[in-house]
N, C-alpha and C. Protein backbone atom coordinates (compact mmCIF):
# COMPACT_ATOMS: atom_id res chain seq x y z
N UNK A 1 -40.18 -15.89 -53.77
CA UNK A 1 -38.83 -15.25 -52.90
C UNK A 1 -38.63 -15.97 -51.58
N UNK A 2 -39.70 -16.33 -50.69
CA UNK A 2 -39.86 -16.90 -49.33
C UNK A 2 -38.68 -18.02 -49.67
N UNK A 3 -39.28 -18.93 -50.59
CA UNK A 3 -38.85 -20.18 -50.89
C UNK A 3 -37.26 -20.36 -51.43
N UNK A 4 -36.62 -19.29 -51.64
CA UNK A 4 -35.52 -19.17 -52.25
C UNK A 4 -34.77 -19.01 -51.24
N UNK A 5 -35.09 -18.15 -50.09
CA UNK A 5 -34.29 -17.98 -48.62
C UNK A 5 -34.24 -19.14 -48.02
N UNK A 6 -35.22 -19.90 -47.92
CA UNK A 6 -35.37 -21.24 -46.92
C UNK A 6 -34.44 -22.22 -47.80
N UNK A 7 -34.53 -22.37 -49.18
CA UNK A 7 -33.40 -23.28 -49.89
C UNK A 7 -32.06 -22.52 -49.62
N UNK A 8 -31.70 -21.51 -49.93
CA UNK A 8 -30.35 -20.85 -49.46
C UNK A 8 -30.05 -21.32 -48.26
N UNK A 9 -30.76 -20.94 -46.82
CA UNK A 9 -30.36 -21.63 -45.65
C UNK A 9 -30.13 -23.16 -45.60
N UNK A 10 -31.15 -23.55 -46.20
CA UNK A 10 -31.15 -25.17 -45.88
C UNK A 10 -29.60 -25.58 -46.59
N UNK A 11 -29.45 -25.10 -47.78
CA UNK A 11 -28.16 -25.45 -48.33
C UNK A 11 -26.98 -24.98 -47.43
N UNK A 12 -27.00 -23.95 -46.91
CA UNK A 12 -25.97 -23.58 -45.94
C UNK A 12 -25.57 -24.17 -45.09
N UNK A 13 -26.79 -24.75 -44.32
CA UNK A 13 -26.80 -25.56 -43.46
C UNK A 13 -26.15 -26.79 -43.50
N UNK A 14 -26.51 -27.45 -44.88
CA UNK A 14 -25.94 -28.51 -44.75
C UNK A 14 -24.42 -28.50 -45.37
N UNK A 15 -23.97 -27.42 -45.91
CA UNK A 15 -22.76 -26.98 -46.41
C UNK A 15 -21.76 -26.96 -45.13
N UNK A 16 -22.57 -26.52 -43.89
CA UNK A 16 -21.66 -26.27 -42.96
C UNK A 16 -21.60 -27.47 -41.90
N UNK A 17 -22.70 -28.29 -41.95
CA UNK A 17 -22.77 -29.78 -41.23
C UNK A 17 -21.87 -30.63 -42.19
N UNK A 18 -21.68 -30.66 -43.35
CA UNK A 18 -20.60 -31.54 -43.75
C UNK A 18 -19.21 -31.09 -43.60
N UNK A 19 -18.87 -29.76 -43.52
CA UNK A 19 -17.43 -29.31 -42.91
C UNK A 19 -17.63 -29.86 -41.82
N UNK A 20 -18.00 -29.73 -40.66
CA UNK A 20 -18.02 -30.06 -39.53
C UNK A 20 -17.79 -31.61 -39.34
N UNK A 21 -18.45 -32.20 -39.86
CA UNK A 21 -18.75 -33.76 -39.65
C UNK A 21 -17.26 -34.37 -40.44
N UNK A 22 -16.87 -33.62 -41.72
CA UNK A 22 -15.61 -34.17 -42.25
C UNK A 22 -14.50 -33.54 -41.75
N UNK A 23 -14.20 -33.13 -40.80
CA UNK A 23 -13.04 -32.59 -40.20
C UNK A 23 -12.13 -33.90 -39.64
N UNK A 24 -10.86 -33.76 -39.94
CA UNK A 24 -10.15 -35.10 -39.70
C UNK A 24 -9.73 -34.90 -38.36
N UNK A 25 -9.70 -36.05 -37.65
CA UNK A 25 -9.18 -36.22 -36.25
C UNK A 25 -7.88 -35.74 -35.77
N UNK A 26 -6.91 -35.83 -36.90
CA UNK A 26 -5.83 -35.28 -36.30
C UNK A 26 -5.18 -34.21 -36.89
N UNK A 27 -6.21 -33.03 -37.37
CA UNK A 27 -6.35 -31.96 -37.59
C UNK A 27 -5.53 -31.10 -36.61
N UNK A 28 -4.87 -29.72 -36.91
CA UNK A 28 -4.42 -29.20 -36.17
C UNK A 28 -5.31 -28.28 -35.21
N UNK A 29 -5.10 -28.01 -33.98
CA UNK A 29 -5.73 -27.26 -32.88
C UNK A 29 -6.33 -25.84 -33.61
N UNK A 30 -7.89 -25.62 -33.33
CA UNK A 30 -8.12 -24.21 -33.80
C UNK A 30 -7.34 -23.22 -33.34
N UNK A 31 -7.77 -22.00 -33.95
CA UNK A 31 -6.88 -20.64 -33.55
C UNK A 31 -7.34 -20.34 -32.13
N UNK A 32 -8.63 -20.45 -31.80
CA UNK A 32 -9.18 -20.22 -30.38
C UNK A 32 -9.08 -20.79 -29.35
N UNK A 33 -8.97 -20.70 -28.22
CA UNK A 33 -8.96 -21.34 -27.19
C UNK A 33 -10.28 -22.47 -26.83
N UNK A 34 -10.02 -23.56 -26.72
CA UNK A 34 -10.87 -24.42 -26.50
C UNK A 34 -11.69 -24.40 -25.24
N UNK A 35 -12.92 -24.57 -25.31
CA UNK A 35 -13.80 -24.52 -24.31
C UNK A 35 -13.88 -25.88 -23.27
N UNK A 36 -12.56 -26.15 -22.71
CA UNK A 36 -12.12 -27.32 -22.02
C UNK A 36 -12.69 -27.04 -20.54
N UNK A 37 -13.45 -27.96 -19.71
CA UNK A 37 -13.53 -28.00 -18.51
C UNK A 37 -12.45 -28.28 -17.70
N UNK A 38 -11.12 -27.98 -17.47
CA UNK A 38 -10.13 -28.90 -16.68
C UNK A 38 -9.94 -28.01 -15.33
N UNK A 39 -9.16 -28.74 -14.06
CA UNK A 39 -9.24 -28.16 -13.15
C UNK A 39 -7.79 -27.13 -13.37
N UNK A 40 -8.02 -26.23 -12.72
CA UNK A 40 -7.02 -24.92 -12.65
C UNK A 40 -5.75 -25.27 -11.69
N UNK A 41 -4.63 -25.30 -11.96
CA UNK A 41 -3.55 -25.61 -11.24
C UNK A 41 -2.87 -23.84 -10.93
N UNK A 42 -2.96 -23.45 -9.92
CA UNK A 42 -2.15 -22.64 -9.62
C UNK A 42 -0.81 -22.12 -9.41
N UNK A 43 -0.32 -23.55 -9.35
CA UNK A 43 1.15 -23.67 -9.07
C UNK A 43 1.98 -23.60 -10.79
N UNK A 44 1.18 -23.88 -11.70
CA UNK A 44 2.22 -23.87 -12.64
C UNK A 44 1.49 -22.58 -13.50
N UNK A 45 2.76 -21.73 -14.21
CA UNK A 45 2.13 -20.59 -14.79
C UNK A 45 0.85 -20.76 -16.00
N UNK A 46 0.27 -19.57 -16.02
CA UNK A 46 -0.94 -19.62 -16.99
C UNK A 46 -0.68 -19.56 -18.33
N UNK A 47 -1.36 -20.39 -19.12
CA UNK A 47 -1.31 -20.80 -20.49
C UNK A 47 -0.77 -19.48 -21.35
N UNK A 48 -1.71 -18.39 -21.16
CA UNK A 48 -1.25 -17.00 -22.16
C UNK A 48 -0.19 -16.61 -21.23
N UNK A 49 0.82 -16.18 -22.14
CA UNK A 49 1.83 -15.28 -21.62
C UNK A 49 1.56 -13.89 -20.98
N UNK A 50 0.61 -13.44 -21.80
CA UNK A 50 -0.15 -11.93 -21.04
C UNK A 50 -0.77 -12.23 -19.72
N UNK A 51 -1.60 -13.18 -19.53
CA UNK A 51 -2.40 -13.59 -18.32
C UNK A 51 -0.93 -13.67 -17.25
N UNK A 52 -0.32 -14.61 -17.46
CA UNK A 52 0.80 -14.78 -16.34
C UNK A 52 1.60 -13.60 -16.02
N UNK A 53 2.04 -12.39 -16.99
CA UNK A 53 2.40 -11.45 -16.67
C UNK A 53 1.51 -10.62 -16.27
N UNK A 54 0.18 -10.46 -16.47
CA UNK A 54 -0.49 -9.98 -15.57
C UNK A 54 -0.55 -10.24 -14.06
N UNK A 55 -0.72 -11.35 -14.09
CA UNK A 55 -0.56 -12.06 -12.66
C UNK A 55 0.37 -11.76 -11.78
N UNK A 56 1.75 -11.77 -12.49
CA UNK A 56 2.85 -11.20 -11.84
C UNK A 56 2.99 -9.89 -11.27
N UNK A 57 2.35 -9.10 -12.45
CA UNK A 57 2.09 -7.60 -12.13
C UNK A 57 1.52 -7.37 -11.05
N UNK A 58 0.03 -7.86 -10.71
CA UNK A 58 -0.65 -7.40 -9.75
C UNK A 58 0.17 -8.31 -8.01
N UNK A 59 0.80 -9.31 -8.47
CA UNK A 59 1.28 -10.00 -7.18
C UNK A 59 2.40 -9.16 -6.50
N UNK A 60 3.15 -8.73 -7.70
CA UNK A 60 4.40 -8.01 -6.94
C UNK A 60 4.17 -6.62 -6.63
N UNK A 61 5.01 -6.30 -5.64
CA UNK A 61 5.00 -4.74 -4.97
C UNK A 61 5.20 -3.87 -6.37
N UNK A 62 4.54 -2.55 -5.79
CA UNK A 62 4.82 -1.53 -6.87
C UNK A 62 6.01 -1.36 -6.98
N UNK A 63 7.03 -1.46 -5.79
CA UNK A 63 8.66 -0.91 -6.22
C UNK A 63 9.48 -2.06 -6.88
N UNK A 64 8.83 -2.97 -7.08
CA UNK A 64 9.76 -4.19 -7.48
C UNK A 64 9.23 -4.60 -8.82
N UNK A 65 8.51 -3.83 -9.56
CA UNK A 65 7.44 -4.34 -10.89
C UNK A 65 8.57 -3.93 -11.81
N UNK A 66 8.44 -4.96 -13.03
CA UNK A 66 9.55 -4.65 -14.17
C UNK A 66 8.46 -3.74 -14.72
N UNK A 67 7.22 -3.79 -15.12
CA UNK A 67 6.46 -2.62 -15.90
C UNK A 67 5.61 -1.62 -14.84
N UNK A 68 5.79 -0.22 -14.89
CA UNK A 68 5.68 0.32 -13.83
C UNK A 68 4.09 0.77 -14.17
N UNK A 69 3.48 0.38 -14.76
CA UNK A 69 1.77 0.95 -15.45
C UNK A 69 1.11 -0.31 -16.27
N UNK A 70 0.06 -0.26 -16.29
CA UNK A 70 -0.66 -1.17 -16.91
C UNK A 70 -0.49 -0.99 -18.65
N UNK A 71 -0.38 0.49 -18.81
CA UNK A 71 0.22 0.95 -20.22
C UNK A 71 1.19 0.41 -20.57
N UNK A 72 2.23 0.17 -19.89
CA UNK A 72 3.21 -0.15 -20.16
C UNK A 72 3.11 -1.44 -20.21
N UNK A 73 2.68 -2.47 -19.48
CA UNK A 73 2.46 -4.11 -19.84
C UNK A 73 1.62 -4.19 -20.70
N UNK A 74 0.86 -3.34 -21.38
CA UNK A 74 0.10 -3.48 -22.27
C UNK A 74 0.65 -3.09 -23.76
N UNK A 75 1.64 -2.45 -23.50
CA UNK A 75 2.53 -2.03 -24.81
C UNK A 75 3.63 -3.25 -24.86
N UNK A 76 4.04 -3.81 -24.06
CA UNK A 76 4.54 -4.95 -24.10
C UNK A 76 4.15 -6.24 -25.03
N UNK A 77 2.76 -6.39 -24.40
CA UNK A 77 2.05 -7.20 -25.23
C UNK A 77 1.17 -6.90 -26.47
N UNK A 78 1.52 -5.93 -26.78
CA UNK A 78 0.37 -5.24 -28.11
C UNK A 78 -1.23 -5.29 -27.52
N UNK A 79 -1.14 -4.91 -26.20
CA UNK A 79 -2.59 -4.85 -25.85
C UNK A 79 -2.96 -3.39 -25.05
N UNK A 80 -4.52 -3.31 -25.30
CA UNK A 80 -4.86 -1.70 -24.62
C UNK A 80 -4.83 -2.26 -23.00
N UNK A 81 -4.83 -0.76 -22.52
CA UNK A 81 -4.86 -0.71 -21.30
C UNK A 81 -6.40 -1.50 -20.53
N UNK A 82 -7.23 -1.08 -21.43
CA UNK A 82 -8.90 -1.73 -20.82
C UNK A 82 -8.58 -3.48 -20.98
N UNK A 83 -8.03 -3.68 -22.19
CA UNK A 83 -7.83 -4.93 -22.10
C UNK A 83 -7.15 -5.75 -20.87
N UNK A 84 -5.91 -5.26 -20.40
CA UNK A 84 -5.15 -5.40 -19.37
C UNK A 84 -6.05 -5.48 -17.76
N UNK A 85 -6.74 -4.64 -18.03
CA UNK A 85 -7.76 -4.36 -16.76
C UNK A 85 -8.78 -5.28 -16.74
N UNK A 86 -9.10 -5.63 -17.99
CA UNK A 86 -10.43 -6.74 -18.11
C UNK A 86 -9.63 -8.20 -17.57
N UNK A 87 -8.28 -8.42 -17.94
CA UNK A 87 -7.89 -9.52 -17.76
C UNK A 87 -7.35 -9.65 -15.98
N UNK A 88 -7.22 -8.63 -15.56
CA UNK A 88 -6.73 -8.69 -14.12
C UNK A 88 -8.45 -8.96 -13.19
N UNK A 89 -9.59 -8.70 -13.88
CA UNK A 89 -10.74 -9.58 -13.24
C UNK A 89 -11.19 -10.83 -13.41
N UNK A 90 -10.41 -11.86 -14.44
CA UNK A 90 -10.42 -12.86 -14.78
C UNK A 90 -10.40 -13.86 -13.60
N UNK A 91 -11.02 -14.90 -13.33
CA UNK A 91 -10.96 -15.66 -12.21
C UNK A 91 -9.68 -16.55 -12.14
N UNK A 92 -9.40 -17.12 -13.42
CA UNK A 92 -7.94 -17.97 -13.33
C UNK A 92 -6.96 -16.97 -13.10
N UNK A 93 -7.03 -15.66 -13.53
CA UNK A 93 -5.75 -14.82 -13.81
C UNK A 93 -5.66 -14.31 -11.69
N UNK A 94 -7.02 -14.29 -11.11
CA UNK A 94 -6.85 -13.76 -9.80
C UNK A 94 -6.76 -15.13 -8.89
N UNK A 95 -6.78 -16.28 -9.21
CA UNK A 95 -6.77 -17.61 -8.70
C UNK A 95 -4.97 -17.72 -8.61
N UNK A 96 -4.31 -17.24 -9.74
CA UNK A 96 -2.87 -17.46 -9.88
C UNK A 96 -2.46 -16.52 -9.15
N UNK A 97 -2.61 -14.91 -8.85
CA UNK A 97 -2.42 -14.19 -8.14
C UNK A 97 -2.39 -14.27 -6.66
N UNK A 98 -3.72 -15.06 -6.41
CA UNK A 98 -3.53 -15.13 -4.72
C UNK A 98 -2.57 -16.49 -4.59
N UNK A 99 -2.25 -17.36 -5.27
CA UNK A 99 -1.23 -18.30 -5.29
C UNK A 99 0.29 -17.66 -4.90
N UNK A 100 0.58 -16.67 -5.91
CA UNK A 100 1.78 -15.95 -5.94
C UNK A 100 1.97 -15.19 -4.79
N UNK A 101 1.02 -14.34 -4.22
CA UNK A 101 0.98 -13.72 -3.08
C UNK A 101 1.16 -14.64 -2.04
N UNK A 102 0.46 -15.51 -1.93
CA UNK A 102 0.62 -16.53 -0.61
C UNK A 102 2.13 -17.19 -0.66
N UNK A 103 2.80 -17.31 -1.67
CA UNK A 103 4.43 -17.54 -1.92
C UNK A 103 4.85 -16.65 -1.50
N UNK A 104 4.93 -15.26 -2.01
CA UNK A 104 5.48 -14.14 -1.74
C UNK A 104 5.33 -14.17 -0.26
N UNK A 105 4.54 -14.26 0.58
CA UNK A 105 4.29 -14.05 2.00
C UNK A 105 4.92 -14.68 2.85
N UNK A 106 4.92 -16.03 2.45
CA UNK A 106 5.74 -17.57 2.53
C UNK A 106 7.19 -17.24 2.46
N UNK A 107 7.74 -16.27 1.67
CA UNK A 107 9.35 -16.31 1.37
C UNK A 107 9.70 -15.02 2.41
N UNK A 108 8.64 -13.97 2.32
CA UNK A 108 9.04 -13.01 3.42
C UNK A 108 8.86 -13.55 4.69
N UNK A 109 8.44 -14.52 5.28
CA UNK A 109 8.16 -14.54 6.62
C UNK A 109 9.66 -15.47 6.82
N UNK A 110 9.97 -16.33 5.78
CA UNK A 110 11.13 -17.23 6.07
C UNK A 110 12.11 -16.39 6.05
N UNK A 111 12.45 -15.22 5.34
CA UNK A 111 13.58 -14.29 5.43
C UNK A 111 13.56 -13.78 6.84
N UNK A 112 12.60 -13.12 7.38
CA UNK A 112 12.31 -12.67 8.79
C UNK A 112 12.91 -13.71 9.77
N UNK A 113 12.29 -14.76 9.76
CA UNK A 113 12.78 -15.89 10.40
C UNK A 113 14.33 -16.03 10.65
N UNK A 114 14.82 -16.05 9.59
CA UNK A 114 16.24 -16.63 9.48
C UNK A 114 17.08 -15.14 10.18
N UNK A 115 16.32 -13.74 10.01
CA UNK A 115 17.40 -12.86 10.41
C UNK A 115 16.45 -12.56 11.68
N UNK A 116 15.91 -12.82 12.36
CA UNK A 116 15.22 -12.81 13.68
C UNK A 116 16.24 -12.37 14.80
N UNK A 117 17.11 -13.47 14.80
CA UNK A 117 17.83 -13.42 15.81
C UNK A 117 18.84 -11.67 15.51
N UNK A 118 18.98 -11.42 14.70
CA UNK A 118 19.86 -10.09 14.49
C UNK A 118 19.17 -9.24 14.66
N UNK A 119 17.92 -9.52 14.41
CA UNK A 119 16.93 -8.30 14.51
C UNK A 119 16.74 -7.73 16.09
N UNK A 120 16.23 -8.76 16.87
CA UNK A 120 16.31 -8.86 18.45
C UNK A 120 17.62 -8.27 18.76
N UNK A 121 18.88 -8.65 18.38
CA UNK A 121 20.20 -8.13 19.04
C UNK A 121 20.07 -6.59 18.81
N UNK A 122 19.88 -6.27 17.23
CA UNK A 122 19.85 -4.91 17.09
C UNK A 122 18.91 -4.13 18.04
N UNK A 123 17.70 -4.35 18.24
CA UNK A 123 16.83 -3.79 19.18
C UNK A 123 17.07 -3.89 20.39
N UNK A 124 17.63 -4.78 21.20
CA UNK A 124 18.25 -4.83 22.26
C UNK A 124 19.21 -3.81 22.70
N UNK A 125 20.14 -3.74 21.86
CA UNK A 125 21.33 -2.60 21.74
C UNK A 125 20.64 -1.31 21.59
N UNK A 126 19.69 -1.09 20.80
CA UNK A 126 18.91 0.48 20.56
C UNK A 126 18.35 0.61 22.11
N UNK A 127 17.48 -0.50 22.56
CA UNK A 127 16.75 -0.32 23.58
C UNK A 127 17.68 0.16 25.07
N UNK A 128 19.07 -0.61 25.17
CA UNK A 128 20.17 -0.09 26.40
C UNK A 128 20.65 1.16 25.92
N UNK A 129 20.73 1.52 24.52
CA UNK A 129 21.25 2.89 24.31
C UNK A 129 20.20 4.02 24.48
N UNK A 130 18.85 3.83 24.85
CA UNK A 130 17.89 4.71 25.06
C UNK A 130 16.61 4.78 23.93
N UNK A 131 16.80 3.93 23.23
CA UNK A 131 15.71 4.29 22.31
C UNK A 131 14.35 3.36 22.85
N UNK A 132 13.21 4.53 23.02
CA UNK A 132 12.03 3.94 24.12
C UNK A 132 11.04 2.92 22.81
N UNK A 133 11.08 3.09 21.69
CA UNK A 133 10.61 2.24 20.68
C UNK A 133 11.09 1.05 21.02
N UNK A 134 12.26 0.82 20.95
CA UNK A 134 13.08 -0.77 20.98
C UNK A 134 12.88 -1.30 22.09
N UNK A 135 12.66 -0.22 23.36
CA UNK A 135 12.43 -0.94 24.62
C UNK A 135 11.02 -1.44 24.83
N UNK A 136 10.14 -0.97 24.30
CA UNK A 136 8.89 -1.54 23.91
C UNK A 136 8.79 -2.53 23.24
N UNK A 137 9.52 -2.60 22.32
CA UNK A 137 9.66 -3.69 21.12
C UNK A 137 10.03 -5.11 21.99
N UNK A 138 11.07 -4.72 22.99
CA UNK A 138 11.85 -5.87 23.85
C UNK A 138 10.83 -6.22 24.62
N UNK A 139 9.84 -5.59 25.35
CA UNK A 139 9.12 -5.50 26.52
C UNK A 139 7.98 -6.20 26.22
N UNK A 140 7.19 -6.01 24.83
CA UNK A 140 6.32 -6.74 24.53
C UNK A 140 7.08 -8.39 23.83
N UNK A 141 8.18 -8.67 23.65
CA UNK A 141 8.72 -10.12 23.66
C UNK A 141 9.09 -11.09 24.68
N UNK A 142 8.91 -10.16 26.12
CA UNK A 142 9.36 -10.90 26.85
C UNK A 142 8.65 -12.13 27.03
N UNK A 143 9.10 -13.20 27.49
CA UNK A 143 8.50 -14.53 28.25
C UNK A 143 8.26 -14.57 29.12
N UNK A 144 7.46 -13.59 29.86
CA UNK A 144 7.36 -13.88 31.41
C UNK A 144 5.85 -13.80 31.62
N UNK A 145 5.48 -15.15 32.17
CA UNK A 145 4.10 -15.27 32.95
C UNK A 145 3.52 -13.94 33.33
N UNK A 146 3.87 -13.71 34.62
CA UNK A 146 3.51 -12.63 35.40
C UNK A 146 4.29 -11.38 35.12
N UNK A 147 3.62 -10.39 35.44
CA UNK A 147 4.39 -8.99 35.23
C UNK A 147 5.08 -8.75 36.34
N UNK A 148 6.44 -8.45 36.02
CA UNK A 148 7.56 -8.16 36.75
C UNK A 148 7.22 -6.77 37.44
N UNK A 149 8.03 -6.29 38.54
CA UNK A 149 8.15 -4.93 39.29
C UNK A 149 8.70 -3.80 38.35
N UNK A 150 9.55 -4.24 37.31
CA UNK A 150 10.02 -3.48 35.97
C UNK A 150 8.84 -3.38 35.13
N UNK A 151 8.46 -4.06 34.73
CA UNK A 151 7.10 -3.78 33.80
C UNK A 151 5.91 -3.03 34.47
N UNK A 152 5.93 -3.42 35.47
CA UNK A 152 4.83 -2.59 36.32
C UNK A 152 5.08 -1.12 36.23
N UNK A 153 6.55 -0.71 36.80
CA UNK A 153 6.88 0.61 36.82
C UNK A 153 6.81 1.12 35.33
N UNK A 154 7.24 0.39 34.39
CA UNK A 154 7.38 0.84 32.70
C UNK A 154 5.83 1.32 32.31
N UNK A 155 4.99 0.67 32.94
CA UNK A 155 3.49 0.68 32.38
C UNK A 155 2.75 1.89 33.15
N UNK A 156 3.45 2.26 34.36
CA UNK A 156 2.56 3.47 34.96
C UNK A 156 2.68 4.57 34.14
């Protein structure tokens, strides 16, 4: 009985070995993801559409999200909430989220810089009109080296 088991396993091993060695070189890619070690490039979208959607979901503010919940995101791609949650913990997804956030912050800064003169003009008008918060805003942004008598009076 033991010899039959050994013979069977040896036979199975030899069949498996020949299948692996006789695989044609131009064969189609396997259905599973290959275990390649390549450098991750966060500037490019992720290979899997689901992973890219998860990264976009995490990087986008709640008020601007296309999908309002992880369940809705999972339903769109046919995944469970738990699968979406697990993908939010994967390193390549988090690296992509970090890249997207940096870009969104940079874009927001540029938008604020373009509008800065208009913002300051509005605050100055409000300060002249009696808005104390606007006056404090203007006072904080004065480019005076030493405190002026007006500033000392306001701070007392």
